[in-house]
Protein backbone atom coordinates (compact mmCIF):
# COMPACT_ATOMS: atom_id res chain seq x y z
CA MET A 1 -19.45 12.09 8.01
CA VAL A 2 -19.41 9.98 4.86
CA THR A 3 -23.08 9.24 4.12
CA GLY A 4 -24.46 6.32 2.16
CA ALA A 5 -24.84 8.43 -1.00
CA ILE A 6 -21.24 9.63 -0.80
CA LYS A 7 -20.03 6.07 -0.16
CA ASN A 8 -21.85 4.93 -3.28
CA LYS A 9 -20.13 7.61 -5.35
CA ILE A 10 -16.71 6.73 -3.94
CA ASP A 11 -17.39 3.04 -4.56
CA LYS A 12 -18.31 3.87 -8.18
CA ILE A 13 -14.99 5.71 -8.66
CA TRP A 14 -13.19 2.81 -6.99
CA THR A 15 -14.90 0.30 -9.32
CA ASP A 16 -13.91 2.34 -12.38
CA ILE A 17 -10.26 2.29 -11.26
CA TRP A 18 -10.37 -1.45 -10.59
CA ALA A 19 -11.93 -2.03 -14.02
CA GLY A 20 -8.96 -0.13 -15.46
CA GLY A 21 -6.56 -2.69 -14.02
CA ILE A 22 -5.41 -1.11 -10.72
CA THR A 23 -6.22 -3.77 -8.13
CA ASN A 24 -3.96 -2.79 -5.21
CA PRO A 25 -6.18 -0.84 -2.77
CA LEU A 26 -3.27 1.26 -1.50
CA THR A 27 -2.43 2.30 -5.07
CA VAL A 28 -6.06 3.30 -5.64
CA ILE A 29 -6.00 5.42 -2.48
CA GLU A 30 -2.75 7.16 -3.42
CA GLN A 31 -3.88 7.98 -6.98
CA LEU A 32 -7.19 9.41 -5.75
CA THR A 33 -5.35 11.45 -3.13
CA TYR A 34 -3.03 13.01 -5.71
CA LEU A 35 -6.00 14.06 -7.84
CA MET A 36 -7.84 15.46 -4.81
CA PHE A 37 -4.75 17.53 -4.05
CA ILE A 38 -4.40 18.75 -7.63
CA ARG A 39 -8.00 19.99 -7.48
CA SER A 40 -7.35 21.63 -4.11
CA LEU A 41 -4.42 23.60 -5.57
CA ASP A 42 -6.74 25.14 -8.13
CA GLU A 43 -9.28 25.95 -5.41
CA LYS A 44 -6.55 27.78 -3.51
CA GLU A 45 -5.57 29.66 -6.65
CA LEU A 46 -9.18 30.74 -7.21
CA GLU A 47 -9.28 32.09 -3.64
CA THR A 48 -6.06 34.05 -4.30
CA GLU A 49 -7.58 35.55 -7.47
CA GLU A 50 -10.67 36.65 -5.53
CA LEU A 51 -8.47 38.31 -2.87
CA GLU A 52 -6.50 40.10 -5.59
CA ASN A 53 -9.69 41.45 -7.14
CA LEU A 54 -10.89 42.71 -3.75
CA SER A 55 -7.61 44.21 -2.57
CA GLY A 56 -6.14 45.32 -5.89
CA GLU A 57 -2.75 43.97 -4.77
CA ARG A 58 -0.71 41.40 -6.66
CA MET A 59 -0.33 38.14 -4.68
CA GLU A 60 1.88 35.10 -5.12
CA ARG A 61 0.40 32.48 -7.41
CA ILE A 62 0.80 28.71 -7.50
CA PHE A 63 0.40 28.24 -11.25
CA PRO A 64 2.67 30.00 -13.78
CA ALA A 65 0.97 32.72 -15.86
CA SER A 66 1.95 31.08 -19.15
CA GLU A 67 -0.48 29.15 -21.29
CA ALA A 68 1.20 25.87 -20.30
CA GLY A 69 1.09 26.84 -16.62
CA GLN A 70 -2.59 27.78 -16.68
CA SER A 71 -3.46 24.59 -18.56
CA MET A 72 -2.42 22.63 -15.43
CA ARG A 73 -5.36 24.00 -13.43
CA TRP A 74 -8.17 21.55 -12.66
CA SER A 75 -10.84 24.04 -13.73
CA ARG A 76 -9.16 24.39 -17.14
CA PHE A 77 -8.67 20.74 -18.04
CA LYS A 78 -11.55 18.93 -16.28
CA ASN A 79 -13.93 19.20 -19.26
CA ALA A 80 -11.35 18.61 -22.00
CA ASP A 81 -11.04 15.58 -24.28
CA PRO A 82 -9.89 12.48 -22.29
CA ARG A 83 -6.64 12.24 -24.23
CA THR A 84 -5.88 15.90 -23.61
CA ILE A 85 -6.63 15.52 -19.88
CA TYR A 86 -4.36 12.48 -19.65
CA GLU A 87 -1.50 14.25 -21.41
CA ILE A 88 -1.77 17.36 -19.22
CA VAL A 89 -2.00 15.44 -15.92
CA SER A 90 0.63 12.80 -16.65
CA GLN A 91 3.14 14.99 -18.53
CA ARG A 92 2.72 18.35 -16.79
CA VAL A 93 0.69 18.44 -13.56
CA PHE A 94 2.07 15.36 -11.84
CA PRO A 95 5.75 16.04 -12.66
CA ALA A 96 5.18 19.66 -11.57
CA ILE A 97 3.80 18.86 -8.11
CA LYS A 98 6.74 16.47 -7.57
CA ASN A 99 9.09 19.37 -8.27
CA TRP A 100 7.21 22.17 -6.51
CA LYS A 101 9.68 24.77 -5.28
CA CYS A 102 9.57 28.39 -4.20
CA GLY A 103 5.79 28.37 -3.66
CA GLN A 104 5.09 28.06 -7.39
CA LEU A 105 4.74 25.10 -9.71
CA PRO A 106 7.44 24.94 -12.38
CA ASP A 107 6.59 26.09 -15.92
CA PHE A 108 7.07 24.24 -19.21
CA ASN A 109 8.61 25.58 -22.43
CA ASP A 110 7.31 25.02 -25.95
CA ALA A 111 9.23 21.74 -26.18
CA GLY A 112 7.43 20.44 -23.08
CA GLU A 113 10.53 20.68 -20.89
CA MET A 114 10.17 21.68 -17.24
CA MET A 115 11.68 25.03 -16.20
CA GLU A 116 12.57 26.41 -12.76
CA PRO A 117 10.16 29.01 -11.32
CA GLU A 118 11.19 32.63 -11.80
CA ALA A 119 12.61 34.70 -8.92
CA ALA A 120 13.39 31.58 -6.94
CA GLY A 121 16.06 33.39 -4.96
CA ASP A 122 13.59 36.01 -3.72
CA ARG A 123 10.97 33.55 -2.60
CA GLY A 124 13.08 30.95 -0.85
CA ASN A 125 13.59 27.34 -1.81
CA GLU A 126 10.91 24.96 -0.58
CA GLY A 127 12.45 21.91 -2.24
CA GLY A 128 13.43 20.40 1.11
CA THR A 129 9.98 20.63 2.69
CA ALA A 130 8.00 17.62 3.86
CA PHE A 131 5.79 17.96 0.79
CA ALA A 132 8.74 17.73 -1.61
CA ARG A 133 10.34 14.86 0.31
CA TYR A 134 7.27 12.66 0.42
CA MET A 135 6.10 13.43 -3.12
CA SER A 136 9.52 12.68 -4.62
CA ASP A 137 8.83 8.94 -4.80
CA ALA A 138 5.18 9.28 -5.89
CA MET A 139 4.16 7.69 -9.20
CA PHE A 140 1.27 8.42 -11.57
CA LEU A 141 -0.23 5.00 -12.32
CA ILE A 142 -3.67 5.67 -13.81
CA PRO A 143 -3.54 3.51 -16.96
CA THR A 144 -5.78 5.13 -19.60
CA PRO A 145 -7.39 8.48 -20.52
CA GLN A 146 -10.86 6.95 -20.12
CA VAL A 147 -10.20 5.82 -16.54
CA LEU A 148 -8.73 9.23 -15.64
CA GLN A 149 -11.75 11.05 -17.08
CA LYS A 150 -14.15 8.85 -15.06
CA ILE A 151 -12.20 9.59 -11.85
CA ILE A 152 -12.15 13.34 -12.51
CA THR A 153 -15.88 13.37 -13.34
CA GLY A 154 -16.66 11.38 -10.18
CA LEU A 155 -14.51 13.58 -7.93
CA GLU A 156 -15.97 16.75 -9.41
CA ASP A 157 -19.48 15.46 -8.69
CA LEU A 158 -18.47 14.71 -5.09
CA TYR A 159 -16.95 18.15 -4.51
CA GLU A 160 -19.73 20.07 -6.22
CA HIS A 161 -22.70 18.31 -4.62
CA ASP A 162 -21.57 16.51 -1.47
CA ILE A 163 -18.40 17.85 0.12
CA GLY A 164 -18.72 21.64 -0.03
CA GLU A 165 -16.91 23.38 2.84
CA LEU A 166 -16.99 20.43 5.23
CA ASP A 167 -13.88 18.77 6.58
CA MET A 168 -14.43 15.78 4.34
CA GLN A 169 -11.04 15.04 2.78
CA GLY A 170 -9.91 13.09 5.83
CA ASP A 171 -13.28 11.33 6.06
CA LEU A 172 -13.03 10.32 2.41
CA TYR A 173 -9.51 9.07 2.94
CA GLU A 174 -10.51 7.17 6.08
CA TYR A 175 -13.39 5.49 4.23
CA MET A 176 -11.01 4.47 1.46
CA LEU A 177 -8.47 3.26 4.01
CA GLY A 178 -11.17 1.02 5.44
CA LYS A 179 -11.00 -1.00 2.22
CA LEU A 180 -7.49 -2.16 3.14
CA ALA A 181 -7.43 -5.54 4.90
CA THR A 182 -4.66 -4.33 7.25
CA ALA A 183 -6.23 -0.99 8.15
CA GLY A 184 -6.74 -0.47 11.87
CA GLN A 185 -4.72 -3.47 13.08
CA ASN A 186 -2.70 -1.17 15.35
CA GLY A 187 -5.77 0.59 16.66
CA GLN A 188 -5.34 3.74 14.56
CA PHE A 189 -8.37 5.67 13.33
CA ARG A 190 -9.11 9.24 12.45
CA THR A 191 -10.21 11.60 15.21
CA PRO A 192 -13.50 13.37 14.31
CA LYS A 193 -13.06 17.07 13.65
CA HIS A 194 -15.34 18.23 16.49
CA ILE A 195 -13.34 16.15 19.00
CA ARG A 196 -10.06 17.60 17.68
CA GLU A 197 -11.48 21.11 17.97
CA MET A 198 -12.65 20.40 21.52
CA MET A 199 -9.16 19.26 22.53
CA VAL A 200 -7.55 22.29 20.88
CA GLU A 201 -10.00 24.55 22.73
CA LEU A 202 -9.05 22.85 26.01
CA LEU A 203 -5.40 23.91 25.51
CA ARG A 204 -5.99 27.19 23.63
CA PRO A 205 -2.68 27.37 21.71
CA THR A 206 -1.17 30.78 20.93
CA PRO A 207 0.92 32.07 17.97
CA ASP A 208 4.09 31.56 20.03
CA ASP A 209 3.53 27.88 20.81
CA LEU A 210 5.43 24.91 19.39
CA ILE A 211 2.85 22.23 18.64
CA CYS A 212 3.54 18.53 18.12
CA ASP A 213 1.56 15.41 17.27
CA PRO A 214 3.94 12.41 17.42
CA ALA A 215 1.32 10.14 15.79
CA CYS A 216 0.02 12.66 13.28
CA GLY A 217 -1.72 10.51 10.63
CA THR A 218 -3.38 13.03 8.31
CA ALA A 219 -2.24 15.96 10.53
CA GLY A 220 -5.75 16.66 11.79
CA PHE A 221 -4.66 18.02 15.20
CA LEU A 222 -2.08 20.31 13.59
CA VAL A 223 -4.67 21.61 11.12
CA SER A 224 -7.24 22.18 13.89
CA SER A 225 -4.61 24.04 15.93
CA ALA A 226 -3.80 26.24 12.93
CA GLU A 227 -7.49 27.01 12.41
CA TYR A 228 -7.88 27.93 16.09
CA ILE A 229 -4.89 30.30 16.00
CA ARG A 230 -6.15 31.95 12.81
CA ALA A 231 -9.63 32.38 14.28
CA HIS A 232 -8.39 33.97 17.53
CA TYR A 233 -5.16 35.78 16.63
CA GLU A 234 -5.09 36.45 12.88
CA ASP A 235 -5.58 40.22 13.16
CA ALA A 236 -2.98 40.64 15.91
CA MET A 237 -0.12 38.41 14.71
CA SER A 238 3.27 40.00 13.95
CA PRO A 239 5.31 39.18 10.79
CA GLU A 240 7.59 37.07 12.99
CA GLN A 241 4.61 35.10 14.30
CA TRP A 242 3.32 34.54 10.76
CA GLU A 243 6.75 33.22 9.77
CA HIS A 244 6.64 30.93 12.81
CA PHE A 245 3.12 29.83 11.79
CA ALA A 246 4.27 28.95 8.26
CA GLY A 247 6.34 26.03 9.48
CA PRO A 248 8.35 25.89 12.72
CA MET A 249 5.21 25.96 14.87
CA PHE A 250 4.01 22.53 13.67
CA THR A 251 5.69 19.12 14.00
CA GLY A 252 4.29 15.68 13.21
CA PHE A 253 5.70 12.16 13.07
CA ASP A 254 4.29 8.96 11.61
CA THR A 255 5.49 5.58 10.41
CA ASP A 256 3.35 5.49 7.25
CA ARG A 257 4.72 7.35 4.21
CA THR A 258 1.25 7.57 2.67
CA MET A 259 0.01 9.29 5.83
CA LEU A 260 2.98 11.65 5.71
CA ARG A 261 2.18 12.54 2.11
CA ILE A 262 -1.43 13.28 3.04
CA SER A 263 -0.44 15.33 6.09
CA ALA A 264 2.09 17.37 4.09
CA MET A 265 -0.58 18.18 1.49
CA ASN A 266 -3.15 18.98 4.16
CA LEU A 267 -0.85 21.37 6.03
CA MET A 268 0.28 23.19 2.89
CA LEU A 269 -3.35 23.86 1.99
CA HIS A 270 -3.68 25.57 5.39
CA SER A 271 -0.76 27.95 4.67
CA ILE A 272 1.73 25.87 6.64
CA ARG A 273 4.42 25.65 3.98
CA ARG A 274 7.35 24.32 5.98
CA PRO A 275 6.10 21.99 8.74
CA ARG A 276 8.38 19.40 10.26
CA VAL A 277 6.60 16.24 9.16
CA GLU A 278 8.91 13.25 9.35
CA TYR A 279 8.99 9.49 9.08
CA GLN A 280 9.78 8.36 12.59
CA ASP A 281 8.76 5.81 15.19
CA SER A 282 8.14 8.24 18.02
CA VAL A 283 8.64 5.82 20.91
CA SER A 284 11.83 4.28 19.52
CA LYS A 285 15.46 5.16 20.19
CA GLN A 286 15.39 6.98 16.84
CA ASN A 287 13.44 9.81 18.52
CA GLN A 288 15.78 11.76 20.81
CA ILE A 289 13.59 14.87 21.20
CA ALA A 290 13.21 16.13 24.77
CA GLY A 291 11.93 19.40 26.26
CA GLN A 292 11.17 20.97 22.89
CA PHE A 293 7.41 21.60 22.55
CA THR A 294 4.89 23.71 24.46
CA VAL A 295 1.77 21.85 23.22
CA CYS A 296 1.15 18.17 22.44
CA LEU A 297 -2.12 17.00 20.89
CA ALA A 298 -2.54 13.38 19.87
CA ASN A 299 -4.68 10.33 19.43
CA PRO A 300 -1.92 7.68 19.50
CA PRO A 301 -2.48 4.06 18.41
CA PHE A 302 -4.15 2.00 21.13
CA LYS A 303 -3.67 -1.69 20.43
CA GLY A 304 -0.12 -1.64 19.20
CA THR A 305 2.94 -3.10 20.85
CA VAL A 306 6.53 -2.46 19.87
CA ASP A 307 9.76 -4.40 20.07
CA ALA A 308 11.12 -3.98 23.59
CA GLU A 309 14.66 -3.55 22.23
CA SER A 310 13.65 -0.54 20.12
CA ILE A 311 11.88 1.39 22.91
CA HIS A 312 13.79 4.41 24.19
CA ASP A 313 15.29 3.76 27.61
CA ASN A 314 13.94 6.92 29.25
CA LEU A 315 10.37 5.88 28.34
CA LYS A 316 10.90 2.47 29.96
CA ALA A 317 12.17 4.26 33.05
CA VAL A 318 8.72 5.86 33.44
CA THR A 319 6.61 2.84 32.53
CA GLN A 320 8.08 -0.61 31.86
CA THR A 321 5.79 -1.80 29.06
CA LYS A 322 5.45 -2.48 25.34
CA LYS A 323 1.92 -1.01 25.15
CA THR A 324 1.89 2.03 22.87
CA GLU A 325 -0.88 3.87 24.75
CA LEU A 326 1.29 3.96 27.89
CA LEU A 327 4.57 4.66 26.09
CA PHE A 328 3.07 7.68 24.34
CA LEU A 329 2.06 9.21 27.69
CA ALA A 330 5.67 8.95 28.84
CA LEU A 331 6.75 10.35 25.47
CA PHE A 332 4.55 13.44 25.82
CA LEU A 333 6.13 14.19 29.17
CA ARG A 334 9.61 13.87 27.68
CA MET A 335 8.94 15.95 24.55
CA LEU A 336 7.23 18.84 26.36
CA LYS A 337 9.05 21.79 27.86
CA LYS A 338 8.36 22.55 31.51
CA GLY A 339 5.02 24.30 31.54
CA GLY A 340 4.02 22.56 28.30
CA ARG A 341 0.43 21.32 27.99
CA CYS A 342 -0.96 18.11 26.57
CA ALA A 343 -4.41 16.85 25.61
CA CYS A 344 -4.42 13.25 24.42
CA ILE A 345 -6.92 10.46 23.86
CA VAL A 346 -6.42 7.20 25.74
CA PRO A 347 -8.46 3.99 25.93
CA ASP A 348 -10.38 3.55 29.18
CA GLY A 349 -8.01 0.78 30.27
CA VAL A 350 -5.28 3.37 30.85
CA LEU A 351 -7.46 4.95 33.55
CA PHE A 352 -7.95 1.86 35.70
CA GLY A 353 -5.52 -0.83 34.49
CA SER A 354 -4.03 -2.71 37.44
CA SER A 355 -0.63 -3.61 35.98
CA LYS A 356 2.53 -2.04 37.37
CA ALA A 357 3.05 -0.15 34.09
CA HIS A 358 -0.46 1.33 34.19
CA LYS A 359 -0.11 2.45 37.80
CA SER A 360 3.36 3.91 37.31
CA ILE A 361 2.36 6.21 34.44
CA ARG A 362 -0.75 7.41 36.33
CA ARG A 363 1.34 8.05 39.43
CA GLU A 364 3.86 9.97 37.32
CA LEU A 365 1.12 12.26 35.99
CA VAL A 366 -0.49 12.85 39.40
CA GLU A 367 2.57 13.13 41.64
CA ASN A 368 5.30 14.61 39.43
CA HIS A 369 3.25 16.80 37.10
CA GLN A 370 -0.13 18.55 37.06
CA LEU A 371 -2.96 16.33 35.92
CA ARG A 372 -5.76 18.78 35.23
CA ALA A 373 -8.67 16.84 33.77
CA VAL A 374 -10.02 13.40 32.90
CA ILE A 375 -12.84 13.60 30.36
CA SER A 376 -14.67 10.32 29.73
CA MET A 377 -16.16 10.11 26.24
CA PRO A 378 -19.04 7.86 25.11
CA SER A 379 -18.01 4.67 23.33
CA GLY A 380 -19.65 5.69 20.04
CA VAL A 381 -17.40 8.69 19.38
CA PHE A 382 -15.17 6.77 16.95
CA LYS A 383 -17.86 4.77 15.20
CA PRO A 384 -18.13 3.40 12.58
CA TYR A 385 -14.37 2.76 12.73
CA ALA A 386 -14.24 1.54 16.33
CA GLY A 387 -16.52 1.22 19.35
CA VAL A 388 -13.79 1.53 21.97
CA SER A 389 -14.44 3.56 25.14
CA THR A 390 -11.98 6.44 25.46
CA ALA A 391 -11.07 9.44 27.57
CA VAL A 392 -9.16 12.69 27.12
CA LEU A 393 -6.36 13.41 29.58
CA VAL A 394 -5.30 17.03 30.03
CA PHE A 395 -2.07 17.70 31.89
CA THR A 396 0.82 20.12 32.26
CA LYS A 397 4.45 19.09 32.52
CA THR A 398 6.01 20.57 35.66
CA GLY A 399 8.55 18.04 36.88
CA ALA A 400 7.71 19.19 40.40
CA GLY A 401 4.11 18.12 40.99
CA GLY A 402 1.28 20.62 41.13
CA THR A 403 -1.76 18.35 41.07
CA GLU A 404 -4.11 19.46 43.83
CA LYS A 405 -7.47 18.44 42.43
CA VAL A 406 -8.35 16.60 39.24
CA TRP A 407 -11.46 17.60 37.30
CA PHE A 408 -13.63 14.73 36.06
CA TYR A 409 -16.30 15.15 33.38
CA GLU A 410 -18.63 12.49 32.00
CA MET A 411 -19.44 13.35 28.40
CA LYS A 412 -22.73 11.64 27.49
CA ALA A 413 -23.30 13.21 24.05
CA ASP A 414 -21.08 14.89 21.46
CA GLY A 415 -23.65 16.27 19.03
CA PHE A 416 -23.94 13.07 16.99
CA SER A 417 -25.79 9.79 17.44
CA LEU A 418 -23.61 7.11 19.00
CA ASP A 419 -24.41 4.41 16.43
CA ASP A 420 -22.67 3.67 13.13
CA LYS A 421 -24.70 6.34 11.32
CA ARG A 422 -23.38 9.20 13.53
CA ALA A 423 -26.22 11.52 12.53
CA GLU A 424 -26.32 15.03 14.01
CA THR A 425 -28.36 15.43 17.20
CA GLN A 426 -29.32 18.26 19.55
CA GLU A 427 -27.66 16.61 22.56
CA ASN A 428 -24.11 17.94 22.89
CA ASP A 429 -22.08 18.24 26.10
CA ILE A 430 -19.00 19.82 24.49
CA PRO A 431 -20.01 23.51 24.97
CA ASP A 432 -20.80 22.83 28.64
CA LEU A 433 -17.56 20.88 29.05
CA LEU A 434 -15.41 23.69 27.65
CA ARG A 435 -17.18 26.36 29.69
CA ARG A 436 -16.68 24.42 32.92
CA PHE A 437 -13.05 23.47 32.22
CA HIS A 438 -12.08 27.10 31.80
CA ASP A 439 -13.82 28.04 35.07
CA LEU A 440 -12.69 25.31 37.47
CA ASP A 441 -13.14 27.61 40.47
CA GLY A 442 -16.86 27.38 39.80
CA GLU A 443 -16.69 23.57 40.00
CA ALA A 444 -15.66 23.47 43.66
CA ALA A 445 -19.23 23.14 44.93
CA ARG A 446 -20.28 20.47 42.44
CA LEU A 447 -21.55 17.20 43.92
CA ARG A 448 -20.26 13.76 42.94
CA THR A 449 -23.74 12.95 41.65
CA GLN A 450 -23.42 15.60 38.93
CA GLN A 451 -21.85 15.34 35.48
CA SER A 452 -18.58 17.01 36.52
CA PHE A 453 -16.74 17.40 39.81
CA LEU A 454 -13.30 17.82 41.39
CA VAL A 455 -11.43 15.06 43.26
CA PRO A 456 -8.53 15.80 45.64
CA LYS A 457 -5.13 14.29 44.80
CA ALA A 458 -4.97 12.49 48.15
CA GLU A 459 -8.14 10.55 47.38
CA ILE A 460 -6.80 9.54 43.98
CA ALA A 461 -3.56 8.34 45.57
CA GLU A 462 -5.51 6.31 48.14
CA ASN A 463 -7.30 4.56 45.29
CA GLY A 464 -4.10 3.42 43.59
CA TYR A 465 -4.18 6.41 41.21
CA ASP A 466 -7.33 5.04 39.59
CA LEU A 467 -8.63 7.70 37.16
CA SER A 468 -11.92 6.09 36.20
CA ILE A 469 -14.82 8.48 36.82
CA ASN A 470 -16.92 5.57 38.12
CA LYS A 471 -14.51 5.21 41.03
CA TYR A 472 -15.49 8.62 42.35
CA LYS A 473 -18.95 9.28 40.95
CA GLN A 474 -21.85 8.81 43.35
CA VAL A 475 -25.06 7.38 41.96
CA GLU A 476 -28.18 9.00 43.32
CA TYR A 477 -30.84 6.38 43.89
CA VAL A 478 -34.35 7.81 43.72
CA PRO A 479 -36.88 5.58 45.51
CA VAL A 480 -39.81 4.57 43.34
CA GLU A 481 -43.19 4.53 45.02
CA TYR A 482 -45.68 1.95 43.78
CA PRO A 483 -49.43 1.92 44.47
CA PRO A 484 -50.77 -0.56 47.08
CA ALA A 485 -51.07 -4.19 46.03
CA GLU A 486 -54.89 -4.01 46.16
CA GLU A 487 -54.90 -1.23 43.51
CA ILE A 488 -52.51 -3.16 41.25
CA LEU A 489 -54.70 -6.29 41.46
CA ASP A 490 -57.85 -4.25 40.75
CA GLU A 491 -56.17 -2.74 37.68
CA LEU A 492 -55.14 -6.19 36.43
CA GLU A 493 -58.70 -7.49 36.86
CA ARG A 494 -60.06 -4.49 34.92
CA MET A 495 -57.60 -5.09 32.08
CA GLU A 496 -58.55 -8.79 31.96
CA GLU A 497 -62.24 -7.90 31.71
CA GLU A 498 -61.51 -5.51 28.83
CA ILE A 499 -59.55 -8.22 27.00
CA ALA A 500 -62.34 -10.78 27.54
CA ALA A 501 -64.94 -8.31 26.26
CA GLY A 502 -62.86 -7.65 23.17
CA LEU A 503 -62.50 -11.37 22.45
CA ARG A 504 -66.28 -11.89 22.77
CA GLU A 505 -66.86 -9.06 20.32
CA LEU A 506 -64.39 -10.58 17.83
CA ARG A 507 -66.01 -14.05 18.17
CA GLY A 508 -69.41 -12.51 17.40
CA MET A 509 -68.04 -11.06 14.18
CA VAL A 510 -66.76 -14.44 12.89
């Protein structure tokens, strides 16, 4: 999480940029993001150099071997004269990342003219990737060498002393996004990494899956899925699976070009060079995708509504509504192949809402597909960005039913305090949750008074397809035994005598 000290450092960088004349918060965010990415490219290059030294094998590089190419590396220019830094970044680095093709940044000749990377035909053309598309309209707007040097010095301090190996880039971006007056008006906020990892572990994607997040934001779910696959299958993956991993496996949609730029950068830094990351309103008629993916992971916007005319007709056939949280559930069912799995976050209102639209989407999940689990999360999970109560729904698209029993779990702690500080704590239900979900046969004997239990489909249907855990959980009332009234009165009299004695002692001291 972004601590107070880190916030102060970001605010200092922000103030320096504002003092330089850039007053549009979105412009500030974009310029900082570009520089964070430029630094990340050099970090990736340093990792490649270490692997080369260990293996003795020549590996593909990002930066050209020429003097001009090496001068574009963050580690080479960060301590240079401000005017030199400004010239390198504005005239070389930024134009180069906008024209990145073939896995390598373009080189520059002695006249300062950009050249195409060598051996482009052997390495494939990446000019049409999401990264190239969404960087093509990017602009370098930092006004002076002095402002650029202050930003670079501030970012370097953050990376060296505060960020380290943590998944902080998204947190930093989310904190910066919070400075926008319009941020969050549609209920969008970043999903914490440990929650993303929990949801990925619930579905356990494989190297052969096709994974989609139709509200991808910074591509956190896609990145967490990639990390899971690397951790569990890296040593056993075939060349064909690695080629699949490099792009076709991952798809994301969003309606914010800044988010798409961030997600494209984020995915490329995780070796996903050719993801399908596109500008698209997922629930509109523009999106015609059906039966294409095997895994959907998402935290769709909660509070948003869309124009009824733009909503795809087959989504309205499942749930007649303009509420995005309900439309996305219908969308997941449409986009998944039969047998495809989904884990998605929904606000609590989806579980028990009494409208016809709410009931129809719940009935669809229970009766026509296999609803596997409803995991209620504590309301502080998304603090400090939002205090909304949420749940994770886990289901499989079958088109022919399959729900026999639904597993309910009440998560009380996620390893962090549930206030705005979100400090690490010892209390964490996630390991227990995952262990129990993957052994549902062992849950059969669990009582309704316990933290998790199974509920038959028939009972859910009888209750109007209500999926709130409180509908089925039984509260165990433990009788409290009090001492006899005579003993309580005696104790009160004794306490009064002690107080009176203390007052007499105090009066004697005056």
